[in-house]
Amino acid sequence: MNRRKFILSSIMTTGALALFPTSTIANSNVKTLPCLNNLMNISQSFSLTSLPLGFSNASESLLTTLKEEGYFFNANSVVKLNNNCYAISVQRNPLLGFKSNELALLVKEGVTSKHYILEEEMATEFNALIDNYSYNMNALGCEDNVADFAFPIKVKEEKKGRNSIFSYQNNLDNTIVLKRNKKGVRAIIC
């Protein structure tokens, strides 16, 4: 008798947890990338719903994508990277496996804007690109702005899958390609 009650209650609990949309709850315990932490200390953070007018459609589609795919995020920690780009740290917690810390980018291209989600490896490489560039510029004594070099103003290509590619143009007219394949992730600057 106790065994039947245990099995029935565990099935009911599993069903209730499967139906409850945990991703719709904005979580403030999301781990942010170190480069975003540094930028949040320098500039102010925004709410995802209070972005400028050109980003309203992209932020709404980003919210629906994050909710549908089961991401956790802090909706009040959106960081302005430049006039054309905002970033937010998101975290995916799958049923099987480990948490993945990813990066969502809102990029304005002309009149419209789109959202892109960088997978964990590509987000880490993006973070390393920012850290390395700022370290090298400080070591050389240059006054170049990190935002002009590292942050996108126009996305050229995005491809997800076994060989993921995220290619964008920066403010200095350089093309930066983040590539992930079986061998690893690398940033290529053209």
Protein backbone atom coordinates (compact mmCIF):
# COMPACT_ATOMS: atom_id res chain seq x y z
CA MET A 1 0.00 0.00 0.00
CA ASN A 2 2.77 2.47 0.91
CA ARG A 3 4.62 1.55 -2.25
CA ARG A 4 1.59 2.40 -4.40
CA LYS A 5 1.16 5.76 -2.68
CA PHE A 6 4.85 6.51 -3.18
CA ILE A 7 4.72 5.67 -6.89
CA LEU A 8 1.51 7.64 -7.38
CA SER A 9 2.80 10.69 -5.53
CA SER A 10 6.12 10.63 -7.39
CA ILE A 11 4.30 10.44 -10.74
CA MET A 12 2.03 13.32 -9.76
CA THR A 13 4.98 15.42 -8.58
CA THR A 14 6.91 14.75 -11.79
CA GLY A 15 3.89 15.71 -13.88
CA ALA A 16 3.35 18.91 -11.91
CA LEU A 17 7.01 19.89 -12.26
CA ALA A 18 6.94 19.19 -15.98
CA LEU A 19 3.91 21.45 -16.46
CA PHE A 20 5.19 24.32 -14.33
CA PRO A 21 7.07 26.80 -16.58
CA THR A 22 10.15 27.50 -14.51
CA SER A 23 11.78 29.46 -17.30
CA THR A 24 9.15 32.18 -17.08
CA ILE A 25 10.49 33.24 -13.71
CA ALA A 26 13.31 35.75 -14.12
CA ASN A 27 16.14 34.54 -11.93
CA SER A 28 18.61 36.93 -10.33
CA ASN A 29 21.16 34.19 -9.58
CA VAL A 30 22.38 33.90 -13.16
CA LYS A 31 26.16 33.83 -13.48
CA THR A 32 27.35 36.69 -15.67
CA LEU A 33 30.47 36.73 -17.80
CA PRO A 34 33.44 38.63 -16.31
CA CYS A 35 33.53 41.15 -19.16
CA LEU A 36 29.86 41.99 -18.54
CA ASN A 37 30.54 42.39 -14.82
CA ASN A 38 33.28 44.91 -15.63
CA LEU A 39 30.98 46.77 -18.02
CA MET A 40 28.14 46.77 -15.49
CA ASN A 41 30.47 48.44 -13.00
CA ILE A 42 31.37 51.15 -15.52
CA SER A 43 27.97 51.76 -17.08
CA GLN A 44 24.45 51.35 -15.82
CA SER A 45 22.36 48.27 -16.43
CA PHE A 46 18.96 48.41 -18.05
CA SER A 47 15.78 46.42 -17.84
CA LEU A 48 14.93 44.30 -20.86
CA THR A 49 11.56 46.01 -21.17
CA SER A 50 12.96 49.56 -20.98
CA LEU A 51 15.26 49.45 -24.02
CA PRO A 52 15.07 52.14 -26.72
CA LEU A 53 12.34 52.00 -29.33
CA GLY A 54 14.42 50.30 -32.04
CA PHE A 55 15.00 47.28 -29.79
CA SER A 56 11.40 46.64 -28.71
CA ASN A 57 10.60 43.92 -31.28
CA ALA A 58 13.90 42.15 -30.73
CA SER A 59 13.54 42.23 -26.95
CA GLU A 60 10.02 40.78 -27.18
CA SER A 61 11.17 37.99 -29.50
CA LEU A 62 14.18 37.37 -27.23
CA LEU A 63 11.90 37.04 -24.22
CA THR A 64 9.67 34.52 -25.97
CA THR A 65 12.69 32.55 -27.21
CA LEU A 66 14.24 32.47 -23.73
CA LYS A 67 10.98 31.31 -22.17
CA GLU A 68 10.32 28.65 -24.81
CA GLU A 69 13.83 27.20 -24.67
CA GLY A 70 14.06 27.13 -20.87
CA TYR A 71 16.63 29.84 -20.15
CA PHE A 72 17.06 31.59 -16.82
CA PHE A 73 17.96 35.28 -16.93
CA ASN A 74 17.92 38.47 -14.92
CA ALA A 75 15.73 40.86 -16.87
CA ASN A 76 17.19 43.87 -15.02
CA SER A 77 20.83 43.30 -15.97
CA VAL A 78 20.96 44.24 -19.63
CA VAL A 79 24.29 45.91 -20.46
CA LYS A 80 24.70 48.51 -23.20
CA LEU A 81 27.77 47.57 -25.22
CA ASN A 82 27.44 50.36 -27.80
CA ASN A 83 24.65 52.30 -29.52
CA ASN A 84 23.79 49.28 -31.67
CA CYS A 85 24.20 46.42 -29.23
CA TYR A 86 22.95 45.28 -25.82
CA ALA A 87 23.92 42.08 -24.00
CA ILE A 88 22.35 39.93 -21.32
CA SER A 89 23.74 36.84 -19.59
CA VAL A 90 21.45 33.84 -19.82
CA GLN A 91 21.74 30.41 -18.30
CA ARG A 92 20.30 27.15 -19.51
CA ASN A 93 19.63 24.40 -17.02
CA PRO A 94 18.75 21.22 -18.96
CA LEU A 95 17.12 18.22 -17.36
CA LEU A 96 20.21 16.14 -18.08
CA GLY A 97 23.66 17.69 -18.01
CA PHE A 98 25.27 20.80 -16.62
CA LYS A 99 24.26 24.42 -16.55
CA SER A 100 25.52 26.44 -19.48
CA ASN A 101 26.26 30.15 -19.22
CA GLU A 102 25.43 31.78 -22.53
CA LEU A 103 25.18 35.30 -23.88
CA ALA A 104 22.23 36.92 -25.63
CA LEU A 105 22.95 39.89 -27.89
CA LEU A 106 20.44 42.41 -29.22
CA VAL A 107 21.89 44.04 -32.33
CA LYS A 108 20.27 46.92 -34.19
CA GLU A 109 20.81 46.75 -37.94
CA GLY A 110 19.36 49.80 -39.64
CA VAL A 111 15.72 50.20 -38.65
CA THR A 112 15.18 46.69 -37.34
CA SER A 113 16.96 44.76 -34.63
CA LYS A 114 17.53 41.05 -34.03
CA HIS A 115 18.59 38.86 -31.15
CA TYR A 116 21.36 36.26 -31.16
CA ILE A 117 22.29 33.72 -28.49
CA LEU A 118 25.95 32.74 -28.25
CA GLU A 119 26.56 29.25 -26.90
CA GLU A 120 28.74 28.86 -23.82
CA GLU A 121 32.01 28.19 -25.66
CA MET A 122 31.46 31.10 -28.04
CA ALA A 123 30.45 33.41 -25.17
CA THR A 124 33.64 32.45 -23.34
CA GLU A 125 35.70 33.19 -26.47
CA PHE A 126 33.91 36.54 -26.86
CA ASN A 127 34.79 37.29 -23.25
CA ALA A 128 38.43 36.30 -23.83
CA LEU A 129 38.58 38.53 -26.92
CA ILE A 130 37.44 41.52 -24.88
CA ASP A 131 39.80 40.76 -22.00
CA ASN A 132 42.82 40.20 -24.25
CA TYR A 133 42.21 43.34 -26.30
CA SER A 134 41.83 45.53 -23.21
CA TYR A 135 44.91 43.94 -21.59
CA ASN A 136 47.03 44.50 -24.70
CA MET A 137 45.88 48.10 -25.13
CA ASN A 138 46.66 48.85 -21.48
CA ALA A 139 50.09 47.20 -21.78
CA LEU A 140 50.94 49.23 -24.89
CA GLY A 141 49.61 52.44 -23.37
CA CYS A 142 47.06 52.99 -26.14
CA GLU A 143 43.79 54.78 -25.56
CA ASP A 144 41.71 52.70 -27.99
CA ASN A 145 38.17 52.03 -26.93
CA VAL A 146 37.24 48.39 -26.34
CA ALA A 147 33.69 49.08 -27.49
CA ASP A 148 34.89 50.17 -30.93
CA PHE A 149 36.84 46.96 -31.46
CA ALA A 150 35.03 44.13 -29.70
CA PHE A 151 31.32 44.85 -29.95
CA PRO A 152 29.17 44.29 -33.03
CA ILE A 153 27.45 46.97 -35.05
CA LYS A 154 26.34 44.60 -37.82
CA VAL A 155 26.00 40.82 -37.81
CA LYS A 156 27.14 39.21 -41.05
CA GLU A 157 26.50 35.52 -40.41
CA GLU A 158 25.12 33.27 -37.71
CA LYS A 159 25.07 29.51 -37.98
CA LYS A 160 24.40 27.03 -35.19
CA GLY A 161 25.07 23.35 -35.18
CA ARG A 162 28.12 21.13 -35.19
CA ASN A 163 30.18 23.92 -36.75
CA SER A 164 28.86 27.16 -35.28
CA ILE A 165 29.78 30.55 -36.71
CA PHE A 166 29.03 34.03 -35.45
CA SER A 167 30.49 36.70 -37.70
CA TYR A 168 30.08 40.44 -37.15
CA GLN A 169 31.49 43.79 -38.14
CA ASN A 170 32.82 46.17 -35.51
CA ASN A 171 33.01 49.96 -35.45
CA LEU A 172 36.53 49.91 -36.94
CA ASP A 173 35.28 48.01 -40.05
CA ASN A 174 36.98 44.79 -38.97
CA THR A 175 35.18 41.49 -39.38
CA ILE A 176 35.37 39.29 -36.30
CA VAL A 177 34.44 35.64 -36.68
CA LEU A 178 33.79 33.37 -33.72
CA LYS A 179 34.05 29.76 -34.92
CA ARG A 180 33.31 26.58 -33.00
CA ASN A 181 33.96 23.09 -34.30
CA LYS A 182 35.19 19.74 -32.95
CA LYS A 183 38.68 21.11 -32.36
CA GLY A 184 37.58 24.07 -30.24
CA VAL A 185 36.58 27.69 -30.42
CA ARG A 186 38.60 30.53 -31.89
CA ALA A 187 38.19 34.17 -32.78
CA ILE A 188 39.41 35.28 -36.19
CA ILE A 189 39.90 38.98 -36.92
CA CYS A 190 39.88 40.01 -40.59
